[in-house]
Each structure stands twice: as C-alpha cells, then as structure tokens.
C-alpha cells in the first residue's frame, strides 16, 4: 500500500520536515490533525512572505510616485515659464 508521505517526494518542493510530519500523522492515526498543523505552517509562511514583499514594494512605489509628481511639476513650471518669455 502506497502512503501519502511516499508520494510527497515526487514533487521535490516539499521540505523534509513536512514530509516527516505527514508520516508521523499516518503512523499515529492523527493525519487530520497533522495536516491541519501543516496548513497553519503554510499559512504563516505565506503571510510572512507577503509582508516581506510589501515591505519592499512600498518604498519603490513611493519613489515612483515622487518621480511622477516631479515630472508633472516640471512640465507645469516649464509651461508657465515659456508663457512668461513669450510676453517679451
């Protein structure tokens, strides 16, 4: 009989400790609880990765918006100064 933890090796993306958790869950008859714990671990990992990416993205967006605003202000000032030079 093929077990779930043996199938987990096929993908290669699963960490060894998580495969062992599934194996222990199968052996003890607590597979449902162990899978719930694994789901919690994955949820925490996703939340941590998302927070890290947002922490990197916020400064980049701030700089990008600053450059856009500087471009708008420059174009407005250029238009105002060019109108001023036409009068003379």
PDB file of N, CA and C in Angstrom:
ATOM      1  N   UNK A   1       0.846  -1.189   0.000  1.00  0.00           N
ATOM      2  CA  UNK A   1       0.000   0.000   0.000  1.00  0.00           C
ATOM      3  C   UNK A   1       0.886   1.247   0.000  1.00  0.00           C
ATOM      4  N   UNK A   2       0.583   2.153  -0.897  1.00  0.00           N
ATOM      5  CA  UNK A   2       1.352   3.389  -1.015  1.00  0.00           C
ATOM      6  C   UNK A   2       0.827   4.422  -0.021  1.00  0.00           C
ATOM      7  N   UNK A   3       1.742   5.076   0.649  1.00  0.00           N
ATOM      8  CA  UNK A   3       1.357   6.049   1.661  1.00  0.00           C
ATOM      9  C   UNK A   3       1.541   7.468   1.130  1.00  0.00           C
ATOM     10  N   UNK A   4       0.858   8.423   1.774  1.00  0.00           N
ATOM     11  CA  UNK A   4       0.906   9.825   1.338  1.00  0.00           C
ATOM     12  C   UNK A   4       2.321  10.373   1.430  1.00  0.00           C
ATOM     13  N   UNK A   5       3.037  10.095   2.508  1.00  0.00           N
ATOM     14  CA  UNK A   5       4.372  10.667   2.661  1.00  0.00           C
ATOM     15  C   UNK A   5       5.337  10.145   1.605  1.00  0.00           C
ATOM     16  N   UNK A   6       5.093   8.960   1.042  1.00  0.00           N
ATOM     17  CA  UNK A   6       5.931   8.453  -0.039  1.00  0.00           C
ATOM     18  C   UNK A   6       5.651   9.196  -1.341  1.00  0.00           C
ATOM     19  N   UNK A   7       4.434   9.607  -1.550  1.00  0.00           N
ATOM     20  CA  UNK A   7       4.075  10.371  -2.747  1.00  0.00           C
ATOM     21  C   UNK A   7       4.621  11.789  -2.698  1.00  0.00           C
ATOM     22  N   UNK A   8       4.855  12.314  -1.518  1.00  0.00           N
ATOM     23  CA  UNK A   8       5.314  13.686  -1.363  1.00  0.00           C
ATOM     24  C   UNK A   8       6.705  13.907  -1.925  1.00  0.00           C
ATOM     25  N   UNK A   9       7.505  12.850  -2.034  1.00  0.00           N
ATOM     26  CA  UNK A   9       8.852  13.001  -2.563  1.00  0.00           C
ATOM     27  C   UNK A   9       8.863  13.280  -4.056  1.00  0.00           C
ATOM     28  N   UNK A  10       7.799  12.945  -4.764  1.00  0.00           N
ATOM     29  CA  UNK A  10       7.762  13.059  -6.221  1.00  0.00           C
ATOM     30  C   UNK A  10       7.919  14.497  -6.692  1.00  0.00           C
ATOM     31  N   UNK A  11       7.287  15.450  -6.010  1.00  0.00           N
ATOM     32  CA  UNK A  11       7.340  16.843  -6.443  1.00  0.00           C
ATOM     33  C   UNK A  11       8.674  17.507  -6.181  1.00  0.00           C
ATOM     34  N   UNK A  12       9.296  17.203  -5.067  1.00  0.00           N
ATOM     35  CA  UNK A  12      10.583  17.799  -4.728  1.00  0.00           C
ATOM     36  C   UNK A  12      10.481  19.172  -4.100  1.00  0.00           C
ATOM     37  N   UNK A  13       9.291  19.760  -4.038  1.00  0.00           N
ATOM     38  CA  UNK A  13       9.135  21.101  -3.489  1.00  0.00           C
ATOM     39  C   UNK A  13       8.810  21.098  -2.000  1.00  0.00           C
ATOM     40  N   UNK A  14       8.562  19.933  -1.441  1.00  0.00           N
ATOM     41  CA  UNK A  14       8.141  19.827  -0.045  1.00  0.00           C
ATOM     42  C   UNK A  14       9.363  19.591   0.825  1.00  0.00           C
ATOM     43  N   UNK A  15       9.464  20.326   1.915  1.00  0.00           N
ATOM     44  CA  UNK A  15      10.591  20.162   2.825  1.00  0.00           C
ATOM     45  C   UNK A  15      10.505  18.825   3.547  1.00  0.00           C
ATOM     46  N   UNK A  16      11.662  18.313   3.893  1.00  0.00           N
ATOM     47  CA  UNK A  16      11.760  17.005   4.537  1.00  0.00           C
ATOM     48  C   UNK A  16      10.981  16.947   5.853  1.00  0.00           C
ATOM     49  N   UNK A  17      11.058  18.021   6.655  1.00  0.00           N
ATOM     50  CA  UNK A  17      10.362  18.012   7.953  1.00  0.00           C
ATOM     51  C   UNK A  17       8.847  17.912   7.779  1.00  0.00           C
ATOM     52  N   UNK A  18       8.336  18.457   6.717  1.00  0.00           N
ATOM     53  CA  UNK A  18       6.887  18.405   6.489  1.00  0.00           C
ATOM     54  C   UNK A  18       6.461  17.014   6.025  1.00  0.00           C
ATOM     55  N   UNK A  19       7.312  16.382   5.249  1.00  0.00           N
ATOM     56  CA  UNK A  19       7.029  15.006   4.853  1.00  0.00           C
ATOM     57  C   UNK A  19       7.039  14.109   6.083  1.00  0.00           C
ATOM     58  N   UNK A  20       7.983  14.363   6.980  1.00  0.00           N
ATOM     59  CA  UNK A  20       8.050  13.579   8.216  1.00  0.00           C
ATOM     60  C   UNK A  20       6.814  13.803   9.087  1.00  0.00           C
ATOM     61  N   UNK A  21       6.293  15.018   9.082  1.00  0.00           N
ATOM     62  CA  UNK A  21       5.083  15.292   9.853  1.00  0.00           C
ATOM     63  C   UNK A  21       3.906  14.466   9.306  1.00  0.00           C
ATOM     64  N   UNK A  22       3.808  14.367   7.979  1.00  0.00           N
ATOM     65  CA  UNK A  22       2.744  13.564   7.383  1.00  0.00           C
ATOM     66  C   UNK A  22       2.948  12.090   7.743  1.00  0.00           C
ATOM     67  N   UNK A  23       4.198  11.651   7.702  1.00  0.00           N
ATOM     68  CA  UNK A  23       4.495  10.261   8.048  1.00  0.00           C
ATOM     69  C   UNK A  23       4.099   9.955   9.490  1.00  0.00           C
ATOM     70  N   UNK A  24       4.450  10.857  10.411  1.00  0.00           N
ATOM     71  CA  UNK A  24       4.085  10.665  11.817  1.00  0.00           C
ATOM     72  C   UNK A  24       2.571  10.664  11.979  1.00  0.00           C
ATOM     73  N   UNK A  25       1.889  11.542  11.256  1.00  0.00           N
ATOM     74  CA  UNK A  25       0.429  11.582  11.315  1.00  0.00           C
ATOM     75  C   UNK A  25      -0.197  10.289  10.827  1.00  0.00           C
ATOM     76  N   UNK A  26       0.379   9.726   9.761  1.00  0.00           N
ATOM     77  CA  UNK A  26      -0.127   8.451   9.262  1.00  0.00           C
ATOM     78  C   UNK A  26       0.095   7.330  10.273  1.00  0.00           C
ATOM     79  N   UNK A  27       1.287   7.303  10.847  1.00  0.00           N
ATOM     80  CA  UNK A  27       1.634   6.225  11.773  1.00  0.00           C
ATOM     81  C   UNK A  27       0.821   6.275  13.063  1.00  0.00           C
ATOM     82  N   UNK A  28       0.518   7.475  13.538  1.00  0.00           N
ATOM     83  CA  UNK A  28      -0.208   7.612  14.804  1.00  0.00           C
ATOM     84  C   UNK A  28      -1.714   7.661  14.624  1.00  0.00           C
ATOM     85  N   UNK A  29      -2.169   7.739  13.388  1.00  0.00           N
ATOM     86  CA  UNK A  29      -3.611   7.824  13.153  1.00  0.00           C
ATOM     87  C   UNK A  29      -4.154   9.233  13.342  1.00  0.00           C
ATOM     88  N   UNK A  30      -3.279  10.209  13.408  1.00  0.00           N
ATOM     89  CA  UNK A  30      -3.669  11.613  13.593  1.00  0.00           C
ATOM     90  C   UNK A  30      -3.367  12.437  12.340  1.00  0.00           C
ATOM     91  N   UNK A  31      -3.587  11.855  11.186  1.00  0.00           N
ATOM     92  CA  UNK A  31      -3.244  12.532   9.932  1.00  0.00           C
ATOM     93  C   UNK A  31      -4.003  13.841   9.766  1.00  0.00           C
ATOM     94  N   UNK A  32      -5.264  13.853  10.144  1.00  0.00           N
ATOM     95  CA  UNK A  32      -6.075  15.071  10.002  1.00  0.00           C
ATOM     96  C   UNK A  32      -5.489  16.220  10.822  1.00  0.00           C
ATOM     97  N   UNK A  33      -5.120  15.935  12.071  1.00  0.00           N
ATOM     98  CA  UNK A  33      -4.533  16.971  12.927  1.00  0.00           C
ATOM     99  C   UNK A  33      -3.185  17.438  12.392  1.00  0.00           C
ATOM    100  N   UNK A  34      -2.380  16.497  11.901  1.00  0.00           N
ATOM    101  CA  UNK A  34      -1.062  16.846  11.380  1.00  0.00           C
ATOM    102  C   UNK A  34      -1.183  17.685  10.117  1.00  0.00           C
ATOM    103  N   UNK A  35      -2.145  17.361   9.264  1.00  0.00           N
ATOM    104  CA  UNK A  35      -2.358  18.162   8.059  1.00  0.00           C
ATOM    105  C   UNK A  35      -2.871  19.558   8.402  1.00  0.00           C
ATOM    106  N   UNK A  36      -3.664  19.655   9.464  1.00  0.00           N
ATOM    107  CA  UNK A  36      -4.119  20.976   9.918  1.00  0.00           C
ATOM    108  C   UNK A  36      -2.934  21.799  10.411  1.00  0.00           C
ATOM    109  N   UNK A  37      -2.003  21.152  11.115  1.00  0.00           N
ATOM    110  CA  UNK A  37      -0.800  21.864  11.560  1.00  0.00           C
ATOM    111  C   UNK A  37       0.045  22.309  10.372  1.00  0.00           C
ATOM    112  N   UNK A  38       0.156  21.438   9.369  1.00  0.00           N
ATOM    113  CA  UNK A  38       0.901  21.806   8.163  1.00  0.00           C
ATOM    114  C   UNK A  38       0.238  22.977   7.444  1.00  0.00           C
ATOM    115  N   UNK A  39      -1.085  22.989   7.411  1.00  0.00           N
ATOM    116  CA  UNK A  39      -1.797  24.105   6.785  1.00  0.00           C
ATOM    117  C   UNK A  39      -1.508  25.404   7.531  1.00  0.00           C
ATOM    118  N   UNK A  40      -1.462  25.342   8.857  1.00  0.00           N
ATOM    119  CA  UNK A  40      -1.131  26.529   9.644  1.00  0.00           C
ATOM    120  C   UNK A  40       0.286  27.003   9.344  1.00  0.00           C
ATOM    121  N   UNK A  41       1.207  26.058   9.214  1.00  0.00           N
ATOM    122  CA  UNK A  41       2.598  26.416   8.905  1.00  0.00           C
ATOM    123  C   UNK A  41       2.675  27.106   7.551  1.00  0.00           C
ATOM    124  N   UNK A  42       1.987  26.548   6.562  1.00  0.00           N
ATOM    125  CA  UNK A  42       1.988  27.169   5.230  1.00  0.00           C
ATOM    126  C   UNK A  42       1.313  28.543   5.251  1.00  0.00           C
ATOM    127  N   UNK A  43       0.248  28.694   6.011  1.00  0.00           N
ATOM    128  CA  UNK A  43      -0.418  29.993   6.124  1.00  0.00           C
ATOM    129  C   UNK A  43       0.517  31.044   6.717  1.00  0.00           C
ATOM    130  N   UNK A  44       1.242  30.664   7.760  1.00  0.00           N
ATOM    131  CA  UNK A  44       2.195  31.602   8.370  1.00  0.00           C
ATOM    132  C   UNK A  44       3.308  31.962   7.397  1.00  0.00           C
ATOM    133  N   UNK A  45       3.768  30.972   6.630  1.00  0.00           N
ATOM    134  CA  UNK A  45       4.825  31.221   5.660  1.00  0.00           C
ATOM    135  C   UNK A  45       4.364  32.183   4.564  1.00  0.00           C
ATOM    136  N   UNK A  46       3.141  31.996   4.090  1.00  0.00           N
ATOM    137  CA  UNK A  46       2.597  32.887   3.060  1.00  0.00           C
ATOM    138  C   UNK A  46       2.422  34.304   3.610  1.00  0.00           C
ATOM    139  N   UNK A  47       1.923  34.411   4.833  1.00  0.00           N
ATOM    140  CA  UNK A  47       1.739  35.736   5.440  1.00  0.00           C
ATOM    141  C   UNK A  47       3.080  36.433   5.617  1.00  0.00           C
ATOM    142  N   UNK A  48       4.097  35.690   6.046  1.00  0.00           N
ATOM    143  CA  UNK A  48       5.425  36.276   6.249  1.00  0.00           C
ATOM    144  C   UNK A  48       6.022  36.728   4.923  1.00  0.00           C
ATOM    145  N   UNK A  49       5.887  35.908   3.888  1.00  0.00           N
ATOM    146  CA  UNK A  49       6.419  36.267   2.574  1.00  0.00           C
ATOM    147  C   UNK A  49       5.695  37.475   1.987  1.00  0.00           C
ATOM    148  N   UNK A  50       4.386  37.522   2.150  1.00  0.00           N
ATOM    149  CA  UNK A  50       3.609  38.660   1.657  1.00  0.00           C
ATOM    150  C   UNK A  50       4.010  39.945   2.371  1.00  0.00           C
ATOM    151  N   UNK A  51       4.186  39.866   3.683  1.00  0.00           N
ATOM    152  CA  UNK A  51       4.600  41.053   4.438  1.00  0.00           C
ATOM    153  C   UNK A  51       5.977  41.528   3.993  1.00  0.00           C
ATOM    154  N   UNK A  52       6.871  40.592   3.716  1.00  0.00           N
ATOM    155  CA  UNK A  52       8.208  40.958   3.253  1.00  0.00           C
ATOM    156  C   UNK A  52       8.149  41.640   1.898  1.00  0.00           C
ATOM    157  N   UNK A  53       7.351  41.082   0.986  1.00  0.00           N
ATOM    158  CA  UNK A  53       7.236  41.687  -0.339  1.00  0.00           C
ATOM    159  C   UNK A  53       6.613  43.078  -0.278  1.00  0.00           C
ATOM    160  N   UNK A  54       5.610  43.245   0.573  1.00  0.00           N
ATOM    161  CA  UNK A  54       5.003  44.569   0.724  1.00  0.00           C
ATOM    162  C   UNK A  54       5.982  45.564   1.324  1.00  0.00           C
ATOM    163  N   UNK A  55       6.814  45.099   2.248  1.00  0.00           N
ATOM    164  CA  UNK A  55       7.810  45.980   2.841  1.00  0.00           C
ATOM    165  C   UNK A  55       8.810  46.462   1.793  1.00  0.00           C
ATOM    166  N   UNK A  56       9.091  45.633   0.797  1.00  0.00           N
ATOM    167  CA  UNK A  56       9.980  46.052  -0.288  1.00  0.00           C
ATOM    168  C   UNK A  56       9.266  46.892  -1.330  1.00  0.00           C
ATOM    169  N   UNK A  57       7.986  46.643  -1.515  1.00  0.00           N
ATOM    170  CA  UNK A  57       7.232  47.323  -2.566  1.00  0.00           C
ATOM    171  C   UNK A  57       6.868  48.762  -2.206  1.00  0.00           C
ATOM    172  N   UNK A  58       6.601  49.031  -0.943  1.00  0.00           N
ATOM    173  CA  UNK A  58       6.159  50.366  -0.529  1.00  0.00           C
ATOM    174  C   UNK A  58       7.205  51.440  -0.849  1.00  0.00           C
ATOM    175  N   UNK A  59       8.482  51.267  -0.508  1.00  0.00           N
ATOM    176  CA  UNK A  59       9.453  52.306  -0.871  1.00  0.00           C
ATOM    177  C   UNK A  59       9.600  52.489  -2.382  1.00  0.00           C
ATOM    178  N   UNK A  60       9.518  51.397  -3.124  1.00  0.00           N
ATOM    179  CA  UNK A  60       9.633  51.510  -4.580  1.00  0.00           C
ATOM    180  C   UNK A  60       8.464  52.306  -5.160  1.00  0.00           C
ATOM    181  N   UNK A  61       7.264  52.049  -4.662  1.00  0.00           N
ATOM    182  CA  UNK A  61       6.102  52.807  -5.133  1.00  0.00           C
ATOM    183  C   UNK A  61       6.193  54.277  -4.730  1.00  0.00           C
ATOM    184  N   UNK A  62       6.702  54.536  -3.542  1.00  0.00           N
ATOM    185  CA  UNK A  62       6.861  55.917  -3.076  1.00  0.00           C
ATOM    186  C   UNK A  62       7.828  56.673  -3.977  1.00  0.00           C
ATOM    187  N   UNK A  63       8.943  56.053  -4.314  1.00  0.00           N
ATOM    188  CA  UNK A  63       9.922  56.701  -5.196  1.00  0.00           C
ATOM    189  C   UNK A  63       9.318  56.910  -6.587  1.00  0.00           C
ATOM    190  N   UNK A  64       8.612  55.908  -7.097  1.00  0.00           N
ATOM    191  CA  UNK A  64       7.976  56.043  -8.414  1.00  0.00           C
ATOM    192  C   UNK A  64       6.967  57.174  -8.454  1.00  0.00           C
ATOM    193  N   UNK A  65       6.156  57.285  -7.407  1.00  0.00           N
ATOM    194  CA  UNK A  65       5.178  58.380  -7.362  1.00  0.00           C
ATOM    195  C   UNK A  65       5.878  59.732  -7.239  1.00  0.00           C
ATOM    196  N   UNK A  66       6.976  59.768  -6.493  1.00  0.00           N
ATOM    197  CA  UNK A  66       7.736  61.011  -6.374  1.00  0.00           C
ATOM    198  C   UNK A  66       8.287  61.461  -7.717  1.00  0.00           C
ATOM    199  N   UNK A  67       8.785  60.519  -8.503  1.00  0.00           N
ATOM    200  CA  UNK A  67       9.306  60.843  -9.837  1.00  0.00           C
ATOM    201  C   UNK A  67       8.179  61.336 -10.740  1.00  0.00           C
ATOM    202  N   UNK A  68       7.013  60.704 -10.654  1.00  0.00           N
ATOM    203  CA  UNK A  68       5.879  61.139 -11.479  1.00  0.00           C
ATOM    204  C   UNK A  68       5.435  62.550 -11.087  1.00  0.00           C
ATOM    205  N   UNK A  69       5.350  62.828  -9.817  1.00  0.00           N
ATOM    206  CA  UNK A  69       4.937  64.162  -9.357  1.00  0.00           C
ATOM    207  C   UNK A  69       5.972  65.202  -9.754  1.00  0.00           C
ATOM    208  N   UNK A  70       7.263  64.838  -9.643  1.00  0.00           N
ATOM    209  CA  UNK A  70       8.311  65.772 -10.065  1.00  0.00           C
ATOM    210  C   UNK A  70       8.199  66.067 -11.549  1.00  0.00           C
ATOM    211  N   UNK A  71       7.860  65.069 -12.352  1.00  0.00           N
ATOM    212  CA  UNK A  71       7.676  65.291 -13.791  1.00  0.00           C
ATOM    213  C   UNK A  71       6.503  66.207 -14.075  1.00  0.00           C
ATOM    214  N   UNK A  72       5.404  66.028 -13.346  1.00  0.00           N
ATOM    215  CA  UNK A  72       4.232  66.898 -13.533  1.00  0.00           C
ATOM    216  C   UNK A  72       4.564  68.330 -13.143  1.00  0.00           C
ATOM    217  N   UNK A  73       5.224  68.506 -12.013  1.00  0.00           N
ATOM    218  CA  UNK A  73       5.586  69.860 -11.566  1.00  0.00           C
ATOM    219  C   UNK A  73       6.543  70.507 -12.561  1.00  0.00           C
ATOM    220  N   UNK A  74       7.497  69.739 -13.067  1.00  0.00           N
ATOM    221  CA  UNK A  74       8.440  70.281 -14.050  1.00  0.00           C
ATOM    222  C   UNK A  74       7.729  70.716 -15.325  1.00  0.00           C
ATOM    223  N   UNK A  75       6.785  69.911 -15.793  1.00  0.00           N
ATOM    224  CA  UNK A  75       6.069  70.283 -17.020  1.00  0.00           C
ATOM    225  C   UNK A  75       5.204  71.519 -16.799  1.00  0.00           C
ATOM    226  N   UNK A  76       4.600  71.650 -15.628  1.00  0.00           N
ATOM    227  CA  UNK A  76       3.785  72.840 -15.334  1.00  0.00           C
ATOM    228  C   UNK A  76       4.670  74.079 -15.251  1.00  0.00           C
ATOM    229  N   UNK A  77       5.790  73.965 -14.556  1.00  0.00           N
ATOM    230  CA  UNK A  77       6.694  75.123 -14.450  1.00  0.00           C
ATOM    231  C   UNK A  77       7.282  75.507 -15.806  1.00  0.00           C
ATOM    232  N   UNK A  78       7.596  74.511 -16.621  1.00  0.00           N
ATOM    233  CA  UNK A  78       8.113  74.804 -17.963  1.00  0.00           C
ATOM    234  C   UNK A  78       7.066  75.552 -18.784  1.00  0.00           C
ATOM    235  N   UNK A  79       5.815  75.137 -18.687  1.00  0.00           N
ATOM    236  CA  UNK A  79       4.745  75.813 -19.427  1.00  0.00           C
ATOM    237  C   UNK A  79       4.573  77.248 -18.924  1.00  0.00           C
ATOM    238  N   UNK A  80       4.614  77.454 -17.617  1.00  0.00           N
ATOM    239  CA  UNK A  80       4.455  78.798 -17.057  1.00  0.00           C
ATOM    240  C   UNK A  80       5.606  79.704 -17.489  1.00  0.00           C
ATOM    241  N   UNK A  81       6.834  79.179 -17.421  1.00  0.00           N
ATOM    242  CA  UNK A  81       7.995  79.996 -17.793  1.00  0.00           C
ATOM    243  C   UNK A  81       8.042  80.273 -19.282  1.00  0.00           C
ATOM    244  N   UNK A  82       7.576  79.352 -20.117  1.00  0.00           N
ATOM    245  CA  UNK A  82       7.564  79.596 -21.556  1.00  0.00           C
ATOM    246  C   UNK A  82       6.523  80.646 -21.920  1.00  0.00           C
ATOM    247  N   UNK A  83       5.422  80.705 -21.236  1.00  0.00           N
ATOM    248  CA  UNK A  83       4.418  81.740 -21.464  1.00  0.00           C
ATOM    249  C   UNK A  83       4.984  83.085 -21.055  1.00  0.00           C
ATOM    250  N   UNK A  84       5.743  83.098 -19.983  1.00  0.00           N
ATOM    251  CA  UNK A  84       6.345  84.331 -19.488  1.00  0.00           C
ATOM    252  C   UNK A  84       7.372  84.882 -20.487  1.00  0.00           C
ATOM    253  N   UNK A  85       8.102  84.039 -21.167  1.00  0.00           N
ATOM    254  CA  UNK A  85       9.108  84.500 -22.128  1.00  0.00           C
ATOM    255  C   UNK A  85       8.460  84.967 -23.430  1.00  0.00           C
ATOM    256  N   UNK A  86       7.260  84.526 -23.757  1.00  0.00           N
ATOM    257  CA  UNK A  86       6.584  84.962 -24.970  1.00  0.00           C
ATOM    258  C   UNK A  86       6.159  86.421 -24.872  1.00  0.00           C
ATOM    259  N   UNK A  87       5.946  86.900 -23.689  1.00  0.00           N
ATOM    260  CA  UNK A  87       5.499  88.278 -23.499  1.00  0.00           C
ATOM    261  C   UNK A  87       6.589  89.280 -23.839  1.00  0.00           C
ATOM    262  N   UNK A  88       7.817  88.874 -23.759  1.00  0.00           N
ATOM    263  CA  UNK A  88       8.917  89.832 -24.026  1.00  0.00           C
ATOM    264  C   UNK A  88       9.407  89.650 -25.395  1.00  0.00           C
TER     265      UNK A  88
END
